[in-house]
Amino acid sequence: MQPTANVTSGDVLDWHAIEWKRVYRTVKNLRQRIFRASRDGDRRRVRSLQRLMLRCTANVLESVRRVTQVNQGKMTAGVDQVVTTTPEERGALCRKLHQRELHKVHPVRRVYIPKKKGKRPLGMGIHVTRDTL
């Protein structure tokens, strides 16, 4: 069985070739390990596992899938005004997010999205635009 990270062709991830059960199992296992270390009071291990989670390809894959396919607001553009709809765009987004240094803290960007009764504030922790990807 091939690792999930090897489902690439060139610079774009093959979205349809991903073994989603394996991705979910990997992320769930990491979450459980973080929970157990936290419950045991082992802060060093918690931090180590959290860093591992941030670098984990499976975590990036699941996060992008959740935001672009599963989430109820999947067709709502973020602060960058981009909606990712095709498998190719999702694969490219995963690859670019995984290559970025995610440990840097970025300021929250606030935009107001239109609603039926005025506008609602939306805060995004990481501001990503097509230019920065």
Protein backbone atom coordinates (compact mmCIF):
# COMPACT_ATOMS: atom_id res chain seq x y z
CA MET A 1 0.00 0.00 0.00
CA GLN A 2 1.44 3.38 -1.04
CA PRO A 3 1.68 6.22 1.48
CA THR A 4 -0.88 8.99 1.05
CA ALA A 5 1.85 11.52 0.27
CA ASN A 6 2.77 9.64 -2.92
CA VAL A 7 -0.50 10.19 -4.78
CA THR A 8 0.99 12.96 -6.84
CA SER A 9 1.54 13.48 -10.51
CA GLY A 10 3.87 16.36 -11.23
CA ASP A 11 3.03 19.44 -9.17
CA VAL A 12 -0.64 18.58 -8.63
CA LEU A 13 -2.04 16.08 -6.16
CA ASP A 14 -4.31 13.42 -7.67
CA TRP A 15 -7.40 14.09 -5.54
CA HIS A 16 -9.25 10.97 -6.70
CA ALA A 17 -6.38 8.61 -5.81
CA ILE A 18 -6.33 9.54 -2.11
CA GLU A 19 -7.24 6.78 0.34
CA TRP A 20 -9.56 8.79 2.57
CA LYS A 21 -10.04 6.06 5.19
CA ARG A 22 -6.30 5.99 5.70
CA VAL A 23 -6.14 9.79 5.93
CA TYR A 24 -8.91 9.88 8.55
CA ARG A 25 -7.32 7.04 10.51
CA THR A 26 -3.95 8.83 10.57
CA VAL A 27 -5.42 12.14 11.76
CA LYS A 28 -7.62 10.40 14.33
CA ASN A 29 -4.63 8.50 15.68
CA LEU A 30 -2.62 11.72 16.06
CA ARG A 31 -5.54 13.45 17.81
CA GLN A 32 -5.87 10.53 20.23
CA ARG A 33 -2.14 10.57 20.97
CA ILE A 34 -2.29 14.31 21.68
CA PHE A 35 -5.30 13.78 23.97
CA ARG A 36 -3.59 10.97 25.91
CA ALA A 37 -0.37 12.97 26.33
CA SER A 38 -2.39 15.97 27.51
CA ARG A 39 -4.38 13.85 29.95
CA ASP A 40 -1.12 12.42 31.32
CA GLY A 41 0.30 15.93 31.75
CA ASP A 42 3.24 15.35 29.36
CA ARG A 43 3.51 18.85 27.88
CA ARG A 44 6.69 18.15 25.96
CA ARG A 45 5.07 15.22 24.17
CA VAL A 46 1.91 17.25 23.49
CA ARG A 47 3.95 20.01 21.82
CA SER A 48 5.94 17.46 19.83
CA LEU A 49 2.77 15.73 18.61
CA GLN A 50 1.16 19.08 17.77
CA ARG A 51 4.15 20.00 15.61
CA LEU A 52 3.90 16.59 13.97
CA MET A 53 0.20 17.23 13.30
CA LEU A 54 0.99 20.57 11.64
CA ARG A 55 3.52 18.91 9.32
CA CYS A 56 1.32 15.87 8.61
CA THR A 57 0.18 15.55 5.00
CA ALA A 58 -2.94 13.67 6.08
CA ASN A 59 -3.97 16.60 8.30
CA VAL A 60 -3.63 19.05 5.38
CA LEU A 61 -5.61 16.72 3.10
CA GLU A 62 -8.43 16.28 5.61
CA SER A 63 -8.55 20.01 6.38
CA VAL A 64 -8.79 21.01 2.73
CA ARG A 65 -11.44 18.35 2.08
CA ARG A 66 -13.46 19.47 5.06
CA VAL A 67 -13.37 23.14 4.07
CA THR A 68 -13.88 22.68 0.30
CA GLN A 69 -16.25 19.70 0.14
CA VAL A 70 -17.89 18.81 3.46
CA ASN A 71 -18.44 22.23 5.05
CA GLN A 72 -21.87 23.81 4.62
CA GLY A 73 -20.22 27.10 3.61
CA LYS A 74 -18.00 25.47 0.98
CA MET A 75 -19.25 27.82 -1.75
CA THR A 76 -18.56 30.95 0.33
CA ALA A 77 -15.39 32.78 -0.62
CA GLY A 78 -12.96 33.65 2.15
CA VAL A 79 -11.06 36.89 2.62
CA ASP A 80 -9.12 36.16 -0.58
CA GLN A 81 -12.42 35.96 -2.56
CA VAL A 82 -11.50 32.49 -3.92
CA VAL A 83 -13.71 29.39 -3.94
CA THR A 84 -11.96 26.07 -4.59
CA THR A 85 -14.31 23.71 -6.43
CA THR A 86 -12.40 21.33 -8.73
CA PRO A 87 -10.28 18.36 -7.64
CA GLU A 88 -7.25 19.90 -9.36
CA GLU A 89 -7.64 23.12 -7.37
CA ARG A 90 -8.00 21.14 -4.14
CA GLY A 91 -4.87 19.12 -4.90
CA ALA A 92 -2.89 22.24 -5.73
CA LEU A 93 -4.12 23.92 -2.53
CA CYS A 94 -3.02 20.91 -0.44
CA ARG A 95 0.42 20.91 -2.00
CA LYS A 96 0.89 24.64 -1.50
CA LEU A 97 -0.37 24.60 2.09
CA HIS A 98 1.93 21.71 2.93
CA GLN A 99 4.94 23.56 1.52
CA ARG A 100 4.23 26.75 3.49
CA GLU A 101 5.70 27.37 6.89
CA LEU A 102 2.54 27.20 8.99
CA HIS A 103 4.21 27.88 12.34
CA LYS A 104 4.42 31.61 11.63
CA VAL A 105 1.66 33.62 13.27
CA HIS A 106 -0.28 35.92 10.98
CA PRO A 107 -2.65 38.66 12.15
CA VAL A 108 -6.37 37.99 11.91
CA ARG A 109 -7.95 39.69 8.95
CA ARG A 110 -11.51 40.89 9.40
CA VAL A 111 -13.90 41.28 6.50
CA TYR A 112 -17.64 41.79 6.53
CA ILE A 113 -19.75 39.38 4.51
CA PRO A 114 -23.23 40.39 3.34
CA LYS A 115 -26.20 38.78 5.08
CA LYS A 116 -29.97 39.31 4.79
CA LYS A 117 -29.96 41.82 7.66
CA GLY A 118 -26.76 43.76 7.03
CA LYS A 119 -23.24 42.40 7.29
CA ARG A 120 -21.55 39.82 9.51
CA PRO A 121 -17.88 39.97 10.51
CA LEU A 122 -15.62 37.13 9.39
CA GLY A 123 -12.14 36.71 10.86
CA MET A 124 -9.49 34.59 9.17
CA GLY A 125 -6.34 33.56 11.04
CA ILE A 126 -4.16 32.97 7.98
CA HIS A 127 -4.51 35.33 5.05
CA VAL A 128 -3.70 33.42 1.88
CA THR A 129 -4.07 34.87 -1.59
CA ARG A 130 -3.22 33.43 -4.98
CA ASP A 131 -0.19 35.76 -5.03
CA THR A 132 1.22 34.35 -1.76
CA LEU A 133 0.59 30.73 -2.75
